Amino acid sequence: MTQRLLVRATGTAHPGQLAELGQALAQAGTRLLDINQSVTFDCVTLEALVAFDGENRQQLTTALETFRALAGLDVQFIEVGDKEYARWSAATGYPRLILTLLAPRLPASVLTEVGRLTSSYGLTIELIHRLSGREGLDGEVPEGGACIECWLRGDMLASPVDLEGLRRNALTIGAEHGVDIALQEDNIWRRHRRLVCFDMDSTLIKAEVIDELARRHGVGDEVAEVTERAMRGELDFQQSFRERMSKLKGLDESVLQQIAEELPLMDGAEVLLKQLKRLGYRTAILSGGFTYFARYLQQRLGFDEVHANELVIENGKVTGEVQEPILDAERKAFLLKEIAAREGIRMEQTIAVGDGANDLKMLAEAGLGIAFRAKPLVREQARHSISTLGLDAVLYLLGYRYSDLVHSESDS
């Protein structure tokens, strides 16, 4: 009669322990059903789930006692009944969720809240691992911030999880603890994204170019007043954009170059674009700003293509007009889909990153839409958000480890 046993060995790690366990299990004629090993500060936990013929029970016990002595580990034997095994086996077919915690430092208190939250939705945390680098001996924040990824499972087929409710609650917890909490469904596309589209102003750069142009032209207050009217809902994007543009009539073209050369890049932008290009992603700027500045960033950061509003300049002066069509929220979403179709990329493989209400439709269309350092309304409506780290934290949401990227770069 087939029996099943979970063998759990713990203690000080040293080379060869897995081989010793394998030899013991082989001597008893067991079948390996699952295995797991982790080492932290030279402390090892080694687990093996095996099946064996009940008549070989004494042979297995003797072999494992020999393993205990050779490996110098504490060994536990846990019986696994048929019902327990059937339940565990079925759970491996359940859909999985990925919950990612990001912050300069992760407070231990957030684990309490996350544990309570996931359990309240009937989810079990089956694995937790760190994607970021380690904190220094002096307490220095690791480069790229801190990031922990949690794998969640539950019987979501029999009891579907309210993902939107779970996200809202996670957003609240994150805000209370100064931590970004992202929740994704784990599927075949998560590690096979191929296209990343970015907003420009306040996403790739730490500025709103139209505001800077207005300030240099001496109409900053007038443009700000139009912006305020738009925020109150008195003007739609195209109306407010045209009115703000009209205030720039007569601005000297030389000012554009001055501003372009002084554009402050967003934290992590250079690192992110460098890694995305090395990893083979296609990258694009989809901006309600201006092509003059988007092309400057294209040359500086290596974007494959840019789409933005084209300023009309005559005799070295800004006319206050732009060429049609104006790149608004609908156009951004359209261009995301158009680029994906042209490149033979599924929408599930697309990523969009932006900060404003003008980006929400693009974020909703993308397979992975990320609100970056966005206003509360945008964070609430977007499926994912990053507010505590730089743009390079996008790599964590794709499942990349900081050490993998650093080591692969040093090898290239």
Protein backbone atom coordinates (compact mmCIF):
# COMPACT_ATOMS: atom_id res chain seq x y z
CA MET A 1 0.00 0.00 0.00
CA THR A 2 1.34 3.40 -0.98
CA GLN A 3 2.20 5.76 1.87
CA ARG A 4 3.48 9.32 1.80
CA LEU A 5 5.90 11.09 4.10
CA LEU A 6 7.16 14.65 4.34
CA VAL A 7 10.80 14.67 5.46
CA ARG A 8 11.89 18.02 6.91
CA ALA A 9 15.57 18.51 7.80
CA THR A 10 16.89 21.68 9.46
CA GLY A 11 20.25 22.81 10.81
CA THR A 12 23.60 24.19 9.66
CA ALA A 13 24.10 24.04 5.92
CA HIS A 14 27.08 22.37 4.32
CA PRO A 15 27.76 20.98 0.82
CA GLY A 16 26.53 17.48 0.06
CA GLN A 17 23.40 17.38 2.25
CA LEU A 18 21.07 17.06 -0.72
CA ALA A 19 23.13 14.17 -2.09
CA GLU A 20 23.01 12.43 1.29
CA LEU A 21 19.22 12.83 1.46
CA GLY A 22 18.85 11.57 -2.10
CA GLN A 23 20.93 8.50 -1.32
CA ALA A 24 18.80 7.69 1.73
CA LEU A 25 15.55 8.04 -0.20
CA ALA A 26 16.88 5.97 -3.09
CA GLN A 27 17.95 3.13 -0.77
CA ALA A 28 14.37 2.87 0.47
CA GLY A 29 12.95 2.82 -3.06
CA THR A 30 10.88 6.00 -2.66
CA ARG A 31 9.35 8.17 -5.38
CA LEU A 32 10.05 11.88 -5.12
CA LEU A 33 6.81 13.92 -5.23
CA ASP A 34 8.17 17.35 -4.30
CA ILE A 35 11.28 18.96 -2.87
CA ASN A 36 12.21 22.36 -1.49
CA GLN A 37 15.39 23.84 -0.01
CA SER A 38 16.27 27.28 1.37
CA VAL A 39 19.34 28.61 3.15
CA THR A 40 19.46 31.77 5.30
CA PHE A 41 22.64 32.71 7.18
CA ASP A 42 23.94 29.13 6.80
CA CYS A 43 20.73 27.72 8.27
CA VAL A 44 19.19 25.18 5.90
CA THR A 45 15.65 23.90 5.60
CA LEU A 46 15.39 20.89 3.31
CA GLU A 47 12.04 19.26 2.66
CA ALA A 48 11.16 16.24 0.54
CA LEU A 49 7.71 14.74 -0.01
CA VAL A 50 8.02 11.08 -0.97
CA ALA A 51 5.81 8.08 -1.70
CA PHE A 52 6.83 4.53 -0.79
CA ASP A 53 5.51 1.02 -0.38
CA GLY A 54 4.36 0.51 3.20
CA GLU A 55 6.33 -2.74 3.38
CA ASN A 56 9.53 -0.66 3.04
CA ARG A 57 8.70 1.54 6.01
CA GLN A 58 11.43 0.17 8.27
CA GLN A 59 13.99 0.39 5.47
CA LEU A 60 13.10 4.07 4.94
CA THR A 61 13.27 4.81 8.66
CA THR A 62 16.72 3.25 8.91
CA ALA A 63 17.98 5.12 5.84
CA LEU A 64 16.74 8.45 7.17
CA GLU A 65 18.36 7.85 10.56
CA THR A 66 21.65 7.32 8.72
CA PHE A 67 21.03 10.55 6.80
CA ARG A 68 20.38 12.37 10.08
CA ALA A 69 23.77 11.29 11.43
CA LEU A 70 25.72 12.01 8.24
CA ALA A 71 24.13 15.40 7.52
CA GLY A 72 24.16 16.62 11.11
CA LEU A 73 20.59 17.87 10.79
CA ASP A 74 17.43 17.65 12.88
CA VAL A 75 14.97 15.52 10.92
CA GLN A 76 11.19 15.40 11.27
CA PHE A 77 8.90 12.82 9.68
CA ILE A 78 5.35 14.02 8.94
CA GLU A 79 2.73 11.53 7.75
CA VAL A 80 0.67 12.73 4.79
CA GLY A 81 -2.72 11.05 4.46
CA ASP A 82 -4.65 10.54 1.24
CA LYS A 83 -7.04 13.44 1.88
CA GLU A 84 -4.20 15.80 2.75
CA TYR A 85 -2.27 14.79 -0.35
CA ALA A 86 -5.31 15.13 -2.60
CA ARG A 87 -6.02 18.62 -1.23
CA TRP A 88 -2.37 19.68 -1.65
CA SER A 89 -2.16 18.22 -5.14
CA ALA A 90 -5.36 19.97 -6.25
CA ALA A 91 -4.08 23.30 -4.90
CA THR A 92 -1.16 23.29 -7.35
CA GLY A 93 -3.71 23.75 -10.13
CA TYR A 94 -5.32 26.80 -8.55
CA PRO A 95 -4.59 30.20 -10.10
CA ARG A 96 -1.80 32.08 -8.36
CA LEU A 97 -1.53 35.74 -7.43
CA ILE A 98 1.70 37.70 -7.03
CA LEU A 99 1.76 40.32 -4.28
CA THR A 100 4.77 42.65 -4.38
CA LEU A 101 5.88 44.95 -1.55
CA LEU A 102 8.10 47.91 -2.48
CA ALA A 103 9.59 50.72 -0.39
CA PRO A 104 12.96 52.26 0.48
CA ARG A 105 12.71 50.11 3.63
CA LEU A 106 10.04 47.57 4.50
CA PRO A 107 8.64 47.85 8.06
CA ALA A 108 7.89 44.54 9.76
CA SER A 109 4.47 45.88 10.72
CA VAL A 110 3.27 45.66 7.12
CA LEU A 111 3.67 41.86 7.23
CA THR A 112 1.02 41.67 9.94
CA GLU A 113 -1.45 43.61 7.83
CA VAL A 114 -0.65 41.73 4.63
CA GLY A 115 -0.99 38.39 6.43
CA ARG A 116 -4.38 39.36 7.83
CA LEU A 117 -5.55 40.74 4.50
CA THR A 118 -4.63 37.69 2.44
CA SER A 119 -6.08 35.25 4.96
CA SER A 120 -9.36 37.21 5.03
CA TYR A 121 -9.67 36.49 1.30
CA GLY A 122 -8.94 32.77 1.78
CA LEU A 123 -5.44 33.04 0.33
CA THR A 124 -2.35 31.21 1.56
CA ILE A 125 1.14 32.68 1.16
CA GLU A 126 3.05 29.71 -0.25
CA LEU A 127 6.36 31.47 -0.93
CA ILE A 128 8.06 34.73 0.03
CA HIS A 129 11.34 35.81 -1.52
CA ARG A 130 13.34 39.01 -1.84
CA LEU A 131 13.96 40.55 -5.26
CA SER A 132 16.00 43.55 -4.12
CA GLY A 133 19.56 43.85 -2.87
CA ARG A 134 20.48 43.71 0.81
CA GLU A 135 20.65 46.57 3.28
CA GLY A 136 24.23 47.56 4.14
CA LEU A 137 25.89 47.04 7.52
CA ASP A 138 25.47 50.75 8.24
CA GLY A 139 21.74 50.58 7.52
CA GLU A 140 22.15 52.12 4.08
CA VAL A 141 19.08 51.71 1.89
CA PRO A 142 19.80 49.12 -0.83
CA GLU A 143 20.22 50.45 -4.34
CA GLY A 144 16.88 50.15 -6.08
CA GLY A 145 15.03 50.08 -2.74
CA ALA A 146 13.59 47.06 -0.98
CA CYS A 147 11.23 44.57 -2.64
CA ILE A 148 9.65 41.34 -1.47
CA GLU A 149 7.48 39.12 -3.66
CA CYS A 150 4.79 36.85 -2.20
CA TRP A 151 3.09 34.00 -4.05
CA LEU A 152 -0.55 33.56 -3.05
CA ARG A 153 -2.85 30.63 -3.68
CA GLY A 154 -6.43 29.83 -2.83
CA ASP A 155 -9.31 27.85 -4.29
CA MET A 156 -10.22 30.76 -6.57
CA LEU A 157 -12.13 28.48 -8.91
CA ALA A 158 -14.61 27.41 -6.24
CA SER A 159 -14.51 30.75 -4.37
CA PRO A 160 -13.50 33.58 -6.75
CA VAL A 161 -11.48 36.34 -5.09
CA ASP A 162 -12.72 39.92 -5.31
CA LEU A 163 -9.49 41.22 -6.84
CA GLU A 164 -10.63 44.83 -6.95
CA GLY A 165 -11.61 44.73 -3.30
CA LEU A 166 -8.30 43.09 -2.44
CA ARG A 167 -6.40 45.79 -4.38
CA ARG A 168 -8.29 48.61 -2.66
CA ASN A 169 -7.56 47.18 0.77
CA ALA A 170 -3.91 46.64 -0.17
CA LEU A 171 -3.68 50.26 -1.35
CA THR A 172 -5.02 51.45 2.01
CA ILE A 173 -2.54 49.31 3.95
CA GLY A 174 0.31 50.49 1.76
CA ALA A 175 -0.57 54.15 2.30
CA GLU A 176 -0.62 53.64 6.08
CA HIS A 177 2.84 52.04 6.10
CA GLY A 178 4.56 53.99 3.32
CA VAL A 179 4.76 50.87 1.14
CA ASP A 180 3.64 50.21 -2.43
CA ILE A 181 1.65 46.97 -2.68
CA ALA A 182 1.04 45.58 -6.16
CA LEU A 183 -1.16 42.61 -6.94
CA GLN A 184 -0.97 40.68 -10.22
CA GLU A 185 -2.43 37.48 -11.56
CA ASP A 186 0.42 35.09 -12.30
CA ASN A 187 0.11 33.87 -15.86
CA ILE A 188 2.20 33.00 -18.89
CA TRP A 189 2.47 36.66 -19.94
CA ARG A 190 3.88 38.08 -16.71
CA ARG A 191 7.49 37.32 -17.62
CA HIS A 192 6.95 37.68 -21.35
CA ARG A 193 6.12 41.37 -21.75
CA ARG A 194 7.61 42.91 -24.88
CA LEU A 195 6.43 46.53 -25.21
CA VAL A 196 6.70 49.36 -22.66
CA CYS A 197 5.06 52.75 -23.31
CA PHE A 198 5.71 55.78 -21.11
CA ASP A 199 4.12 59.11 -20.50
CA MET A 200 6.80 61.82 -20.44
CA ASP A 201 6.02 64.79 -18.20
CA SER A 202 6.24 63.93 -14.46
CA THR A 203 6.93 60.30 -15.45
CA LEU A 204 10.18 60.17 -17.42
CA ILE A 205 11.11 63.70 -16.33
CA LYS A 206 10.57 65.65 -13.12
CA ALA A 207 8.80 68.51 -14.86
CA GLU A 208 5.72 69.60 -16.77
CA VAL A 209 7.24 71.13 -19.88
CA ILE A 210 4.28 73.31 -20.77
CA ASP A 211 4.44 74.92 -17.33
CA GLU A 212 8.15 75.60 -17.76
CA LEU A 213 7.57 77.09 -21.20
CA ALA A 214 4.87 79.35 -19.76
CA ARG A 215 7.11 80.45 -16.93
CA ARG A 216 9.93 81.37 -19.33
CA HIS A 217 7.40 83.28 -21.48
CA GLY A 218 6.04 85.18 -18.48
CA VAL A 219 2.56 83.64 -18.61
CA GLY A 220 2.94 81.03 -15.89
CA ASP A 221 0.01 82.29 -13.81
CA GLU A 222 -2.30 82.43 -16.84
CA VAL A 223 -1.50 78.86 -17.85
CA ALA A 224 -1.87 77.66 -14.26
CA GLU A 225 -5.35 79.22 -14.16
CA VAL A 226 -6.37 77.27 -17.29
CA THR A 227 -4.97 74.09 -15.76
CA GLU A 228 -7.03 74.71 -12.61
CA ARG A 229 -10.20 75.15 -14.67
CA ALA A 230 -9.50 71.83 -16.38
CA MET A 231 -9.01 70.12 -13.03
CA ARG A 232 -12.40 71.50 -11.92
CA GLY A 233 -13.95 69.87 -14.99
CA GLU A 234 -14.78 73.15 -16.75
CA LEU A 235 -12.59 72.22 -19.74
CA ASP A 236 -11.71 68.87 -21.31
CA PHE A 237 -8.12 68.00 -22.16
CA GLN A 238 -8.20 69.26 -25.75
CA GLN A 239 -9.88 72.54 -24.79
CA SER A 240 -7.45 73.20 -21.96
CA PHE A 241 -4.47 72.17 -24.09
CA ARG A 242 -5.37 74.54 -26.93
CA GLU A 243 -5.99 77.40 -24.52
CA ARG A 244 -2.69 76.87 -22.72
CA MET A 245 -0.89 76.63 -26.06
CA SER A 246 -2.35 79.95 -27.18
CA LYS A 247 -0.63 81.61 -24.22
CA LEU A 248 2.75 80.54 -25.64
CA LYS A 249 2.39 82.46 -28.90
CA GLY A 250 5.59 84.35 -29.68
CA LEU A 251 7.92 82.25 -27.50
CA ASP A 252 11.39 82.14 -29.02
CA GLU A 253 12.50 78.74 -30.34
CA SER A 254 15.84 79.06 -28.56
CA VAL A 255 14.03 78.65 -25.24
CA LEU A 256 12.98 75.14 -26.28
CA GLN A 257 16.56 74.02 -26.65
CA GLN A 258 17.52 75.54 -23.30
CA ILE A 259 14.74 73.66 -21.54
CA ALA A 260 15.50 70.38 -23.37
CA GLU A 261 19.12 70.48 -22.25
CA GLU A 262 18.03 71.03 -18.63
CA LEU A 263 15.31 68.37 -18.42
CA PRO A 264 15.64 66.61 -15.04
CA LEU A 265 15.28 62.86 -15.52
CA MET A 266 13.03 60.95 -13.14
CA ASP A 267 14.78 58.80 -10.51
CA GLY A 268 15.62 55.41 -11.98
CA ALA A 269 14.77 56.36 -15.59
CA GLU A 270 18.26 55.75 -16.99
CA VAL A 271 18.64 52.44 -15.14
CA LEU A 272 15.23 51.21 -16.27
CA LEU A 273 15.69 52.10 -19.94
CA LYS A 274 19.16 50.60 -20.03
CA GLN A 275 17.89 47.31 -18.61
CA LEU A 276 14.78 47.21 -20.81
CA LYS A 277 16.92 47.60 -23.92
CA ARG A 278 19.34 44.89 -22.74
CA LEU A 279 16.38 42.59 -22.10
CA GLY A 280 14.97 43.16 -25.59
CA TYR A 281 11.87 45.23 -24.86
CA ARG A 282 10.51 47.70 -27.40
CA THR A 283 10.09 51.13 -25.79
CA ALA A 284 8.00 54.16 -26.75
CA ILE A 285 7.04 57.58 -25.43
CA LEU A 286 3.32 58.39 -25.69
CA SER A 287 3.05 61.95 -24.44
CA GLY A 288 0.55 64.78 -24.36
CA GLY A 289 3.66 66.97 -24.30
CA PHE A 290 5.78 67.90 -27.28
CA THR A 291 7.82 65.92 -29.79
CA TYR A 292 10.67 68.46 -29.51
CA PHE A 293 11.40 67.21 -25.99
CA ALA A 294 10.37 63.59 -26.56
CA ARG A 295 12.93 63.29 -29.36
CA TYR A 296 15.57 64.72 -27.05
CA LEU A 297 14.79 61.95 -24.55
CA GLN A 298 14.76 59.41 -27.37
CA GLN A 299 18.35 60.30 -28.23
CA ARG A 300 19.41 60.38 -24.59
CA LEU A 301 17.73 57.18 -23.38
CA GLY A 302 17.40 55.13 -26.58
CA PHE A 303 13.63 54.90 -27.08
CA ASP A 304 12.55 53.04 -30.21
CA GLU A 305 9.81 55.52 -31.07
CA VAL A 306 8.07 58.65 -29.80
CA HIS A 307 4.56 60.02 -30.25
CA ALA A 308 3.67 63.46 -28.92
CA ASN A 309 2.24 66.83 -29.99
CA GLU A 310 4.07 68.72 -32.72
CA LEU A 311 4.60 72.41 -32.00
CA VAL A 312 4.07 74.75 -34.92
CA ILE A 313 7.07 77.08 -35.23
CA GLU A 314 7.33 79.86 -37.79
CA ASN A 315 10.23 82.27 -38.23
CA GLY A 316 11.84 80.97 -35.03
CA LYS A 317 8.73 81.65 -32.93
CA VAL A 318 6.09 79.38 -31.38
CA THR A 319 2.74 80.15 -33.03
CA GLY A 320 0.62 78.90 -30.15
CA GLU A 321 -0.75 76.04 -32.25
CA VAL A 322 0.01 72.32 -32.62
CA GLN A 323 -0.46 69.96 -35.50
CA GLU A 324 -3.49 67.67 -35.44
CA PRO A 325 -4.34 65.21 -34.07
CA ILE A 326 -3.78 66.26 -30.47
CA LEU A 327 -2.43 63.38 -28.44
CA ASP A 328 -5.02 62.99 -25.68
CA ALA A 329 -6.09 60.03 -23.53
CA GLU A 330 -7.94 58.28 -26.35
CA ARG A 331 -5.02 58.73 -28.73
CA LYS A 332 -2.56 57.30 -26.20
CA ALA A 333 -4.67 54.17 -25.80
CA PHE A 334 -5.05 53.90 -29.58
CA LEU A 335 -1.30 54.22 -30.18
CA LEU A 336 -0.52 51.57 -27.55
CA LYS A 337 -2.76 49.11 -29.38
CA GLU A 338 -1.50 50.19 -32.80
CA ILE A 339 2.16 49.69 -31.89
CA ALA A 340 1.42 46.29 -30.37
CA ALA A 341 -0.47 45.17 -33.47
CA ARG A 342 2.24 46.46 -35.81
CA GLU A 343 4.98 44.63 -33.86
CA GLY A 344 2.99 41.40 -33.50
CA ILE A 345 2.72 41.79 -29.72
CA ARG A 346 -0.31 40.66 -27.72
CA MET A 347 -1.92 43.28 -25.48
CA GLU A 348 -1.19 41.02 -22.49
CA GLN A 349 2.49 41.61 -23.26
CA THR A 350 2.26 45.40 -23.08
CA ILE A 351 3.18 47.72 -20.22
CA ALA A 352 2.12 51.36 -19.82
CA VAL A 353 3.49 53.81 -17.24
CA GLY A 354 2.02 57.25 -16.52
CA ASP A 355 1.02 59.66 -13.77
CA GLY A 356 -2.06 61.60 -14.87
CA ALA A 357 -5.74 61.22 -15.64
CA ASN A 358 -4.74 61.57 -19.29
CA ASP A 359 -2.94 58.19 -18.93
CA LEU A 360 -5.77 56.17 -17.39
CA LYS A 361 -7.17 54.77 -20.64
CA MET A 362 -3.69 53.72 -21.74
CA LEU A 363 -3.05 52.09 -18.35
CA ALA A 364 -6.37 50.24 -18.55
CA GLU A 365 -5.61 48.86 -22.03
CA ALA A 366 -2.12 47.61 -21.17
CA GLY A 367 -1.45 44.14 -19.86
CA LEU A 368 0.38 45.82 -16.98
CA GLY A 369 -0.69 49.42 -16.31
CA ILE A 370 1.36 51.29 -13.69
CA ALA A 371 0.49 54.66 -12.16
CA PHE A 372 3.84 56.22 -11.26
CA ARG A 373 3.97 58.84 -8.48
CA ALA A 374 0.45 59.72 -9.46
CA LYS A 375 -2.27 61.74 -7.79
CA PRO A 376 -4.58 59.77 -5.44
CA LEU A 377 -7.43 59.57 -7.96
CA VAL A 378 -5.15 58.02 -10.60
CA ARG A 379 -3.60 55.59 -8.09
CA GLU A 380 -7.05 54.43 -7.05
CA GLN A 381 -8.23 53.81 -10.61
CA ALA A 382 -5.05 52.19 -11.93
CA ARG A 383 -4.52 48.49 -11.27
CA HIS A 384 -0.93 49.03 -10.05
CA SER A 385 1.03 51.95 -8.69
CA ILE A 386 4.54 52.88 -7.61
CA SER A 387 5.05 55.93 -5.41
CA THR A 388 7.88 55.12 -3.00
CA LEU A 389 10.69 54.15 -5.40
CA GLY A 390 12.12 55.23 -8.74
CA LEU A 391 11.10 54.16 -12.22
CA ASP A 392 13.47 51.20 -12.13
CA ALA A 393 11.10 49.56 -9.63
CA VAL A 394 9.04 48.59 -12.69
CA LEU A 395 11.58 45.77 -13.09
CA TYR A 396 10.45 44.29 -9.77
CA LEU A 397 6.86 44.09 -11.00
CA LEU A 398 8.19 42.06 -13.92
CA GLY A 399 9.74 39.62 -11.44
CA TYR A 400 13.40 40.49 -12.03
CA ARG A 401 15.86 40.21 -9.17
CA TYR A 402 18.25 43.09 -8.62
CA SER A 403 21.18 40.67 -8.33
CA ASP A 404 20.31 39.03 -11.67
CA LEU A 405 20.39 42.37 -13.47
CA VAL A 406 23.63 43.47 -11.83
CA HIS A 407 25.42 40.18 -12.52
CA SER A 408 24.19 39.94 -16.10
CA GLU A 409 25.37 43.49 -16.73
CA SER A 410 28.85 42.72 -15.39
CA ASP A 411 29.06 39.70 -17.71
CA SER A 412 28.16 41.66 -20.82
